[in-house]
N, C-alpha and C. Protein backbone atom coordinates (compact mmCIF):
# COMPACT_ATOMS: atom_id res chain seq x y z
N MET A 1 0.82 -1.35 0.10
CA MET A 1 0.07 -0.24 0.01
C MET A 1 0.79 1.14 -0.25
N ARG A 2 2.06 0.94 0.34
CA ARG A 2 2.96 2.35 0.55
C ARG A 2 3.20 2.57 -0.50
N SER A 3 3.66 1.82 -1.53
CA SER A 3 4.18 2.30 -2.78
C SER A 3 3.38 2.60 -3.72
N LEU A 4 2.18 2.68 -3.58
CA LEU A 4 0.79 3.02 -3.89
C LEU A 4 0.86 4.60 -3.76
N ALA A 5 1.06 4.82 -2.41
CA ALA A 5 1.21 6.45 -2.47
C ALA A 5 2.01 7.17 -3.51
N ASP A 6 3.33 6.75 -3.73
CA ASP A 6 3.98 7.20 -4.77
C ASP A 6 3.98 7.33 -6.51
N HIS A 7 3.08 6.86 -6.37
CA HIS A 7 2.59 7.05 -7.95
C HIS A 7 1.42 6.53 -8.59
N THR A 8 0.91 6.81 -9.67
CA THR A 8 -0.49 6.83 -10.18
C THR A 8 -0.74 5.93 -10.96
N VAL A 9 -1.52 4.89 -10.71
CA VAL A 9 -1.81 3.89 -11.63
C VAL A 9 -3.42 4.15 -12.45
N ASP A 10 -3.27 3.44 -13.52
CA ASP A 10 -4.66 3.28 -14.48
C ASP A 10 -5.60 2.75 -13.67
N LEU A 11 -5.48 1.50 -13.46
CA LEU A 11 -6.23 0.74 -12.65
C LEU A 11 -5.90 0.16 -11.41
N LEU A 12 -6.63 -0.02 -10.45
CA LEU A 12 -6.34 -0.48 -8.99
C LEU A 12 -7.88 -1.62 -8.87
N VAL A 13 -7.12 -2.79 -8.62
CA VAL A 13 -7.69 -4.01 -8.54
C VAL A 13 -7.93 -4.45 -7.44
N ILE A 14 -8.84 -4.36 -6.58
CA ILE A 14 -9.14 -5.04 -5.33
C ILE A 14 -9.62 -6.07 -5.35
N GLY A 15 -8.94 -7.11 -4.73
CA GLY A 15 -9.12 -8.45 -4.56
C GLY A 15 -8.60 -9.57 -5.67
N GLY A 16 -7.60 -10.63 -5.29
CA GLY A 16 -6.80 -11.27 -5.99
C GLY A 16 -7.36 -12.64 -6.40
N GLY A 17 -8.34 -12.50 -6.29
CA GLY A 17 -8.95 -14.03 -6.66
C GLY A 17 -8.92 -14.18 -8.16
N ILE A 18 -9.55 -15.02 -8.89
CA ILE A 18 -9.61 -15.47 -10.05
C ILE A 18 -10.32 -14.40 -10.83
N ILE A 19 -11.32 -13.51 -10.11
CA ILE A 19 -12.09 -12.94 -11.56
C ILE A 19 -10.89 -11.33 -11.05
N GLY A 20 -10.23 -10.77 -10.30
CA GLY A 20 -9.28 -9.75 -9.60
C GLY A 20 -8.71 -10.25 -10.51
N ALA A 21 -7.60 -11.20 -10.54
CA ALA A 21 -6.39 -11.56 -11.45
C ALA A 21 -6.52 -11.59 -12.53
N GLY A 22 -8.05 -12.01 -13.25
CA GLY A 22 -8.28 -11.75 -14.68
C GLY A 22 -8.35 -10.50 -15.01
N ILE A 23 -8.89 -9.55 -14.29
CA ILE A 23 -9.06 -8.62 -14.95
C ILE A 23 -7.96 -7.94 -14.66
N ALA A 24 -7.17 -7.94 -13.73
CA ALA A 24 -5.79 -7.15 -13.88
C ALA A 24 -5.34 -7.58 -15.23
N ARG A 25 -4.74 -9.08 -15.05
CA ARG A 25 -4.18 -9.38 -16.39
C ARG A 25 -4.68 -8.98 -17.88
N ASP A 26 -5.89 -8.84 -17.73
CA ASP A 26 -6.50 -8.37 -19.17
C ASP A 26 -6.10 -7.01 -19.15
N ALA A 27 -6.56 -6.05 -18.22
CA ALA A 27 -5.95 -4.59 -18.41
C ALA A 27 -4.64 -4.31 -18.77
N ALA A 28 -3.40 -5.40 -17.81
CA ALA A 28 -2.30 -5.20 -18.24
C ALA A 28 -2.14 -5.62 -19.71
N LEU A 29 -2.34 -6.57 -20.59
CA LEU A 29 -2.65 -6.99 -21.34
C LEU A 29 -2.57 -5.59 -22.43
N ARG A 30 -3.30 -5.11 -21.97
CA ARG A 30 -3.96 -3.83 -23.05
C ARG A 30 -3.14 -2.43 -22.63
N GLY A 31 -2.35 -2.45 -22.05
CA GLY A 31 -0.95 -1.52 -21.73
C GLY A 31 -1.31 -0.48 -20.64
N LEU A 32 -2.12 -1.02 -19.85
CA LEU A 32 -2.70 -0.34 -18.44
C LEU A 32 -1.89 -0.80 -17.55
N SER A 33 -1.51 0.90 -16.68
CA SER A 33 -0.79 0.18 -15.46
C SER A 33 -1.73 -0.22 -14.61
N ILE A 34 -1.29 -1.08 -13.69
CA ILE A 34 -2.23 -1.69 -12.95
C ILE A 34 -1.25 -2.03 -11.03
N ALA A 35 -2.67 -1.61 -10.25
CA ALA A 35 -2.03 -2.59 -8.84
C ALA A 35 -3.04 -3.13 -8.39
N LEU A 36 -2.72 -4.17 -7.93
CA LEU A 36 -3.60 -5.21 -7.37
C LEU A 36 -3.49 -5.53 -5.75
N ILE A 37 -4.56 -5.38 -4.90
CA ILE A 37 -3.95 -5.44 -3.45
C ILE A 37 -5.05 -6.57 -3.29
N GLU A 38 -4.51 -7.17 -2.54
CA GLU A 38 -5.40 -8.54 -1.75
C GLU A 38 -5.23 -8.18 -0.39
N GLN A 39 -6.04 -9.06 0.55
CA GLN A 39 -6.06 -8.92 2.14
C GLN A 39 -4.99 -9.70 2.51
N ASN A 40 -5.49 -10.88 1.71
CA ASN A 40 -4.47 -12.29 2.03
C ASN A 40 -3.90 -12.52 0.97
N ASP A 41 -3.61 -14.09 0.91
CA ASP A 41 -2.96 -14.80 -0.27
C ASP A 41 -3.64 -15.05 -1.44
N PHE A 42 -3.35 -14.81 -2.72
CA PHE A 42 -4.02 -14.83 -3.85
C PHE A 42 -5.11 -16.20 -3.83
N SER A 43 -6.33 -16.02 -4.14
CA SER A 43 -7.43 -16.81 -4.35
C SER A 43 -7.54 -16.91 -2.78
N SER A 44 -7.52 -16.62 -1.66
CA SER A 44 -8.10 -16.90 -0.52
C SER A 44 -9.28 -16.37 -0.31
N GLY A 45 -10.00 -15.67 -0.86
CA GLY A 45 -11.17 -14.90 -1.08
C GLY A 45 -12.17 -15.55 -1.29
N THR A 46 -13.69 -14.75 -1.67
CA THR A 46 -14.60 -15.55 -2.12
C THR A 46 -14.78 -16.49 -3.17
N THR A 47 -13.60 -16.12 -4.28
CA THR A 47 -14.01 -16.42 -5.62
C THR A 47 -13.46 -18.07 -5.26
N SER A 48 -12.81 -18.52 -4.54
CA SER A 48 -11.52 -19.72 -4.08
C SER A 48 -12.04 -20.25 -3.57
N ARG A 49 -13.71 -19.74 -2.44
CA ARG A 49 -14.26 -20.53 -0.97
C ARG A 49 -15.58 -21.50 -1.62
N PRO A 50 -16.46 -20.85 -2.32
CA PRO A 50 -17.62 -21.92 -2.79
C PRO A 50 -17.52 -23.05 -3.33
N THR A 51 -17.07 -23.13 -4.70
CA THR A 51 -16.97 -24.07 -5.69
C THR A 51 -15.72 -24.05 -6.47
N ARG A 52 -15.74 -22.81 -6.87
CA ARG A 52 -13.98 -22.41 -7.66
C ARG A 52 -14.41 -23.03 -8.99
N LEU A 53 -15.90 -22.91 -9.51
CA LEU A 53 -16.14 -23.36 -10.60
C LEU A 53 -15.88 -22.07 -11.56
N ILE A 54 -15.26 -22.64 -12.77
CA ILE A 54 -15.30 -21.71 -13.98
C ILE A 54 -16.45 -22.77 -14.82
N HIS A 55 -17.86 -21.96 -14.71
CA HIS A 55 -18.49 -22.78 -15.11
C HIS A 55 -19.68 -21.99 -16.87
N GLY A 56 -20.05 -22.97 -17.49
CA GLY A 56 -21.02 -22.07 -18.67
C GLY A 56 -21.96 -21.78 -18.74
N GLY A 57 -22.49 -21.32 -17.61
CA GLY A 57 -23.85 -20.76 -17.33
C GLY A 57 -24.63 -21.41 -17.93
N LEU A 58 -25.00 -23.10 -17.07
CA LEU A 58 -26.11 -23.92 -17.91
C LEU A 58 -27.19 -23.24 -16.96
N ARG A 59 -26.90 -22.79 -15.82
CA ARG A 59 -28.22 -22.78 -15.17
C ARG A 59 -29.18 -21.51 -15.68
N TYR A 60 -28.68 -20.78 -16.64
CA TYR A 60 -29.12 -19.55 -17.28
C TYR A 60 -29.84 -20.20 -18.35
N LEU A 61 -29.70 -20.91 -18.82
CA LEU A 61 -30.38 -21.48 -20.02
C LEU A 61 -32.09 -21.58 -19.58
N GLU A 62 -32.31 -21.91 -18.49
CA GLU A 62 -34.11 -21.77 -17.79
C GLU A 62 -34.45 -20.72 -18.02
N LEU A 63 -33.58 -19.68 -17.48
CA LEU A 63 -34.26 -18.31 -17.46
C LEU A 63 -33.92 -17.76 -19.16
N PHE A 64 -33.65 -17.97 -20.15
CA PHE A 64 -33.60 -18.03 -21.82
C PHE A 64 -32.53 -17.14 -21.85
N ASP A 65 -31.37 -16.93 -20.74
CA ASP A 65 -30.50 -15.62 -20.98
C ASP A 65 -29.13 -16.52 -21.85
N PHE A 66 -29.60 -16.27 -23.01
CA PHE A 66 -28.69 -17.18 -23.94
C PHE A 66 -27.23 -16.44 -24.25
N GLY A 67 -27.27 -15.03 -23.72
CA GLY A 67 -26.56 -13.79 -24.07
C GLY A 67 -25.37 -14.66 -22.93
N LEU A 68 -25.89 -14.47 -21.86
CA LEU A 68 -24.56 -14.56 -20.64
C LEU A 68 -24.80 -16.20 -20.54
N VAL A 69 -25.25 -16.94 -20.90
CA VAL A 69 -24.67 -18.46 -21.30
C VAL A 69 -23.49 -18.15 -22.10
N ARG A 70 -23.66 -17.69 -23.44
CA ARG A 70 -22.81 -17.47 -24.34
C ARG A 70 -20.68 -17.05 -23.89
N ALA A 71 -21.39 -15.53 -23.01
CA ALA A 71 -20.29 -15.13 -22.58
C ALA A 71 -19.62 -15.69 -21.79
N ASP A 72 -20.26 -16.82 -20.92
CA ASP A 72 -19.93 -17.49 -19.45
C ASP A 72 -18.80 -18.58 -20.61
N MET A 73 -19.59 -18.86 -21.39
CA MET A 73 -18.74 -20.11 -21.85
C MET A 73 -17.26 -19.67 -22.61
N ARG A 74 -17.63 -18.39 -23.64
CA ARG A 74 -16.40 -18.01 -23.99
C ARG A 74 -14.91 -17.80 -23.07
N GLU A 75 -15.37 -17.01 -21.71
CA GLU A 75 -14.57 -16.75 -20.73
C GLU A 75 -14.67 -17.75 -20.46
N ARG A 76 -14.54 -19.25 -20.22
CA ARG A 76 -14.49 -20.31 -19.61
C ARG A 76 -13.29 -21.14 -20.42
N GLU A 77 -13.72 -21.06 -22.17
CA GLU A 77 -12.83 -21.17 -23.21
C GLU A 77 -11.48 -20.17 -22.99
N THR A 78 -11.78 -19.12 -22.97
CA THR A 78 -10.51 -18.07 -22.70
C THR A 78 -9.64 -18.52 -21.41
N LEU A 79 -10.19 -18.98 -20.43
CA LEU A 79 -9.45 -19.68 -19.00
C LEU A 79 -9.01 -20.54 -19.19
N LEU A 80 -9.47 -21.70 -19.99
CA LEU A 80 -8.69 -22.80 -20.00
C LEU A 80 -7.49 -22.69 -21.35
N GLY A 81 -7.78 -21.78 -21.97
CA GLY A 81 -6.58 -21.62 -22.61
C GLY A 81 -5.10 -21.01 -22.43
N ILE A 82 -5.95 -19.78 -21.78
CA ILE A 82 -4.52 -19.18 -20.80
C ILE A 82 -3.75 -19.41 -19.78
N ALA A 83 -4.57 -20.30 -19.30
CA ALA A 83 -4.21 -20.83 -17.72
C ALA A 83 -4.29 -22.57 -17.42
N PRO A 84 -3.97 -23.46 -18.27
CA PRO A 84 -4.18 -24.79 -17.94
C PRO A 84 -3.54 -25.45 -17.03
N HIS A 85 -2.85 -24.54 -16.40
CA HIS A 85 -2.27 -24.93 -15.42
C HIS A 85 -3.06 -24.67 -14.07
N LEU A 86 -3.74 -23.91 -14.14
CA LEU A 86 -4.73 -22.83 -13.08
C LEU A 86 -6.66 -23.87 -13.21
N VAL A 87 -6.44 -23.58 -14.61
CA VAL A 87 -8.18 -24.19 -14.57
C VAL A 87 -8.20 -25.18 -15.43
N PHE A 88 -8.95 -26.55 -14.49
CA PHE A 88 -9.16 -28.03 -15.18
C PHE A 88 -10.72 -28.00 -15.86
N PRO A 89 -10.36 -28.97 -16.25
CA PRO A 89 -12.07 -29.96 -16.91
C PRO A 89 -12.48 -30.73 -15.53
N LEU A 90 -14.07 -30.23 -15.11
CA LEU A 90 -14.49 -31.10 -14.42
C LEU A 90 -15.76 -31.72 -14.64
N PRO A 91 -16.19 -33.14 -15.07
CA PRO A 91 -17.20 -33.70 -14.99
C PRO A 91 -18.06 -33.49 -14.05
N PHE A 92 -19.49 -33.49 -14.68
CA PHE A 92 -19.98 -33.50 -13.64
C PHE A 92 -21.39 -34.69 -14.22
N VAL A 93 -21.96 -35.21 -13.46
CA VAL A 93 -23.23 -36.29 -13.34
C VAL A 93 -24.17 -35.90 -12.70
N LEU A 94 -25.28 -35.33 -13.40
CA LEU A 94 -26.63 -35.01 -13.18
C LEU A 94 -27.78 -36.32 -13.28
N PRO A 95 -27.52 -36.93 -12.14
CA PRO A 95 -29.00 -38.20 -12.03
C PRO A 95 -30.39 -37.95 -12.18
N MET A 96 -30.69 -38.87 -13.06
CA MET A 96 -32.15 -38.63 -13.21
C MET A 96 -33.33 -39.75 -12.57
N TYR A 97 -33.86 -39.47 -11.48
CA TYR A 97 -34.85 -40.38 -10.63
C TYR A 97 -36.03 -40.36 -11.01
N ARG A 98 -36.84 -41.13 -11.97
CA ARG A 98 -37.98 -41.45 -12.40
C ARG A 98 -38.55 -39.60 -12.96
N PRO A 99 -37.96 -39.20 -13.42
CA PRO A 99 -38.17 -38.10 -14.06
C PRO A 99 -39.65 -38.05 -14.99
N SER A 100 -40.54 -36.54 -15.08
CA SER A 100 -41.55 -36.99 -15.80
C SER A 100 -40.91 -37.14 -17.59
N LEU A 101 -41.88 -36.96 -18.44
CA LEU A 101 -41.24 -36.89 -19.82
C LEU A 101 -41.23 -35.53 -20.44
N TRP A 102 -42.19 -34.57 -19.38
CA TRP A 102 -41.61 -33.08 -19.27
C TRP A 102 -40.09 -32.91 -19.16
N TYR A 103 -39.68 -33.08 -17.91
CA TYR A 103 -38.50 -32.93 -17.54
C TYR A 103 -37.70 -33.36 -18.26
N ARG A 104 -37.55 -34.68 -18.60
CA ARG A 104 -36.61 -35.31 -19.27
C ARG A 104 -36.36 -34.64 -21.02
N PHE A 105 -37.68 -34.11 -21.36
CA PHE A 105 -37.67 -33.42 -22.99
C PHE A 105 -37.19 -31.73 -22.56
N LYS A 106 -37.18 -31.18 -21.07
CA LYS A 106 -36.82 -29.92 -20.77
C LYS A 106 -35.11 -30.34 -20.75
N LEU A 107 -34.67 -31.18 -20.18
CA LEU A 107 -33.09 -31.37 -19.93
C LEU A 107 -32.39 -31.69 -21.11
N ARG A 108 -33.09 -32.52 -21.84
CA ARG A 108 -32.36 -32.87 -23.38
C ARG A 108 -32.28 -32.03 -24.06
N ILE A 109 -33.08 -30.93 -24.17
CA ILE A 109 -33.40 -29.47 -24.96
C ILE A 109 -32.29 -28.55 -24.40
N GLY A 110 -32.40 -28.45 -23.08
CA GLY A 110 -31.14 -27.61 -21.80
C GLY A 110 -29.54 -28.47 -22.54
N MET A 111 -29.55 -29.27 -22.53
CA MET A 111 -28.35 -29.78 -22.94
C MET A 111 -27.59 -29.93 -24.66
N LEU A 112 -29.04 -29.92 -25.11
CA LEU A 112 -28.59 -29.57 -26.73
C LEU A 112 -28.09 -28.10 -26.80
N LEU A 113 -28.75 -27.70 -26.09
CA LEU A 113 -28.35 -25.84 -26.95
C LEU A 113 -27.21 -25.64 -25.61
N TYR A 114 -27.10 -25.86 -24.66
CA TYR A 114 -25.70 -26.23 -23.96
C TYR A 114 -24.17 -26.42 -24.75
N ASP A 115 -24.37 -27.16 -25.76
CA ASP A 115 -23.32 -27.53 -26.71
C ASP A 115 -23.62 -27.00 -27.84
N LEU A 116 -25.12 -26.46 -28.51
CA LEU A 116 -24.82 -25.22 -29.44
C LEU A 116 -24.64 -24.12 -28.93
N LEU A 117 -24.35 -23.65 -28.19
CA LEU A 117 -24.00 -22.37 -27.67
C LEU A 117 -22.12 -22.45 -27.35
N SER A 118 -22.10 -23.60 -27.60
CA SER A 118 -20.19 -24.00 -27.17
C SER A 118 -19.87 -24.51 -28.31
N LEU A 119 -20.08 -24.09 -29.58
CA LEU A 119 -19.33 -25.18 -30.29
C LEU A 119 -18.32 -25.15 -30.62
N ASP A 120 -17.36 -24.14 -30.07
CA ASP A 120 -16.02 -24.14 -30.32
C ASP A 120 -15.00 -24.64 -28.92
N LYS A 121 -16.25 -25.15 -28.07
CA LYS A 121 -15.54 -25.34 -26.78
C LYS A 121 -14.61 -26.42 -27.12
N SER A 122 -13.56 -26.35 -26.28
CA SER A 122 -12.80 -27.77 -26.15
C SER A 122 -12.47 -28.96 -25.02
N LEU A 123 -14.01 -28.24 -24.12
CA LEU A 123 -14.51 -29.35 -23.32
C LEU A 123 -15.28 -30.47 -24.24
N PRO A 124 -15.19 -31.91 -23.57
CA PRO A 124 -16.18 -32.93 -24.34
C PRO A 124 -17.43 -32.58 -24.00
N LYS A 125 -18.29 -32.95 -24.97
CA LYS A 125 -19.51 -32.79 -25.40
C LYS A 125 -20.48 -33.62 -24.30
N ARG A 126 -21.87 -32.99 -24.18
CA ARG A 126 -22.61 -33.75 -22.95
C ARG A 126 -22.80 -35.22 -23.27
N LYS A 127 -22.78 -35.98 -22.50
CA LYS A 127 -23.45 -37.29 -22.80
C LYS A 127 -24.50 -37.93 -21.81
N TRP A 128 -25.80 -38.73 -22.38
CA TRP A 128 -26.55 -39.44 -21.55
C TRP A 128 -25.54 -40.78 -21.53
N LEU A 129 -25.80 -41.21 -20.01
CA LEU A 129 -25.63 -42.06 -19.73
C LEU A 129 -26.60 -42.88 -19.10
N ASP A 130 -26.88 -44.43 -19.44
CA ASP A 130 -27.84 -45.41 -19.28
C ASP A 130 -27.74 -45.45 -17.91
N ARG A 131 -28.58 -46.38 -17.24
CA ARG A 131 -28.87 -46.52 -15.52
C ARG A 131 -27.39 -46.98 -15.45
N ALA A 132 -27.05 -48.28 -16.17
CA ALA A 132 -25.78 -49.08 -16.04
C ALA A 132 -24.38 -48.07 -15.94
N ALA A 133 -24.53 -47.65 -16.70
CA ALA A 133 -22.82 -46.60 -16.79
C ALA A 133 -22.92 -45.64 -16.05
N THR A 134 -24.44 -45.29 -15.68
CA THR A 134 -24.05 -44.23 -14.47
C THR A 134 -23.79 -44.83 -13.37
N LEU A 135 -24.44 -46.21 -12.94
CA LEU A 135 -23.71 -46.80 -11.62
C LEU A 135 -22.36 -47.09 -11.79
N ASP A 136 -22.10 -47.22 -12.85
CA ASP A 136 -20.40 -47.53 -13.30
C ASP A 136 -19.60 -46.26 -12.93
N ALA A 137 -20.19 -44.97 -13.36
CA ALA A 137 -19.37 -43.83 -13.35
C ALA A 137 -19.25 -43.51 -12.02
N GLU A 138 -20.70 -43.48 -11.05
CA GLU A 138 -20.71 -42.81 -9.47
C GLU A 138 -21.79 -44.45 -8.61
N PRO A 139 -20.69 -45.42 -8.24
CA PRO A 139 -21.33 -46.49 -7.95
C PRO A 139 -22.13 -45.97 -6.82
N ASN A 140 -21.61 -45.02 -5.77
CA ASN A 140 -22.57 -44.70 -4.61
C ASN A 140 -23.92 -44.05 -4.66
N LEU A 141 -24.26 -43.61 -5.53
CA LEU A 141 -25.94 -43.42 -5.91
C LEU A 141 -26.64 -44.32 -5.88
N ASP A 142 -27.98 -43.63 -5.63
CA ASP A 142 -29.33 -45.06 -4.85
C ASP A 142 -29.67 -45.37 -6.31
N PRO A 143 -29.60 -46.55 -6.89
CA PRO A 143 -30.03 -47.15 -7.24
C PRO A 143 -31.43 -46.93 -7.81
N ASP A 144 -32.29 -47.08 -6.86
CA ASP A 144 -33.94 -47.40 -6.55
C ASP A 144 -34.11 -45.95 -7.73
N GLY A 145 -34.48 -46.46 -8.78
CA GLY A 145 -35.61 -45.37 -9.22
C GLY A 145 -34.57 -44.71 -10.41
N LEU A 146 -33.29 -44.66 -10.51
CA LEU A 146 -32.59 -44.22 -11.36
C LEU A 146 -32.89 -44.86 -12.68
N VAL A 147 -33.13 -43.96 -13.68
CA VAL A 147 -32.97 -44.02 -15.09
C VAL A 147 -31.55 -43.93 -15.80
N GLY A 148 -30.81 -43.02 -15.00
CA GLY A 148 -29.45 -42.73 -15.91
C GLY A 148 -29.06 -41.20 -15.69
N ALA A 149 -27.94 -40.77 -16.47
CA ALA A 149 -27.57 -39.46 -15.73
C ALA A 149 -27.21 -38.89 -17.19
N TRP A 150 -27.24 -37.17 -17.13
CA TRP A 150 -26.18 -36.58 -18.15
C TRP A 150 -25.01 -36.63 -17.54
N ARG A 151 -24.08 -36.88 -18.31
CA ARG A 151 -23.00 -36.11 -18.02
C ARG A 151 -22.27 -35.31 -18.54
N PHE A 152 -22.13 -33.78 -18.45
CA PHE A 152 -21.14 -32.89 -18.57
C PHE A 152 -19.93 -31.89 -18.41
N TYR A 153 -19.13 -31.11 -18.73
CA TYR A 153 -18.33 -30.55 -18.12
C TYR A 153 -18.28 -29.16 -18.35
N ASP A 154 -17.79 -29.23 -17.07
CA ASP A 154 -17.60 -27.28 -16.67
C ASP A 154 -16.06 -26.87 -16.54
N ALA A 155 -15.58 -26.43 -16.02
CA ALA A 155 -14.05 -26.30 -15.23
C ALA A 155 -14.33 -25.90 -13.60
N GLN A 156 -12.92 -25.81 -13.11
CA GLN A 156 -12.81 -25.22 -11.85
C GLN A 156 -11.24 -24.59 -11.67
N VAL A 157 -11.14 -23.96 -10.69
CA VAL A 157 -9.66 -23.82 -10.15
C VAL A 157 -9.04 -24.50 -8.72
N PRO A 158 -8.45 -25.40 -8.77
CA PRO A 158 -8.02 -25.86 -7.96
C PRO A 158 -8.01 -25.04 -6.36
N LEU A 159 -8.00 -26.13 -5.29
CA LEU A 159 -8.34 -24.87 -3.98
C LEU A 159 -6.62 -24.31 -4.21
N ALA A 160 -6.13 -23.26 -3.66
CA ALA A 160 -5.09 -22.80 -3.42
C ALA A 160 -4.75 -22.83 -2.09
N ARG A 161 -3.04 -22.88 -2.34
CA ARG A 161 -2.49 -23.12 -0.99
C ARG A 161 -1.77 -22.08 -0.86
N SER A 162 -1.39 -21.46 0.22
CA SER A 162 -0.19 -20.30 0.34
C SER A 162 1.01 -21.30 0.47
N PRO A 163 1.96 -19.97 0.70
CA PRO A 163 3.49 -20.66 1.01
C PRO A 163 3.73 -21.55 1.90
N CYS A 164 2.94 -21.18 3.03
CA CYS A 164 2.91 -21.77 4.43
C CYS A 164 2.37 -23.29 4.63
N GLY A 165 1.31 -23.46 3.43
CA GLY A 165 0.66 -24.45 3.60
C GLY A 165 -0.89 -24.47 4.13
N ARG A 166 -1.41 -23.72 4.14
CA ARG A 166 -2.40 -23.34 4.67
C ARG A 166 -3.45 -23.19 3.30
N ALA A 167 -4.75 -23.56 3.65
CA ALA A 167 -5.42 -23.49 2.53
C ALA A 167 -6.08 -21.62 2.32
């Protein structure tokens, strides 16, 4: 903080989580002078605590916010491309237990749209797993009423460790 008193910067970024670090990097690549301040160690704040997901916005499809889904997917691809040592593919399995026809249809359309909105993605496409394949993938699932599952991919930032070994 003392060093900031002696000079002016174009942009002050508060918070060194994945969002703050990404903003600082983007601004620096655009030629701006940057100062980034963080209360603790990098990625020790809120963007690293909950899930650390770099998601493509699947949940926003239900709200018909296709622009946001597409923007999330492009950002995820950018991060996978420029920081493969920090952002990793993460498979999800969404089990289906005795779903209604309407719910099955809605989810099938959602998964199709998710793939269509991300034709340029590097992650594997979604895949329907039948009951046996679902139980092979996730043997601890309750088999009673299980029909199958959708497997799809997002990305995640691993839990950061500080130099002293604390998370």
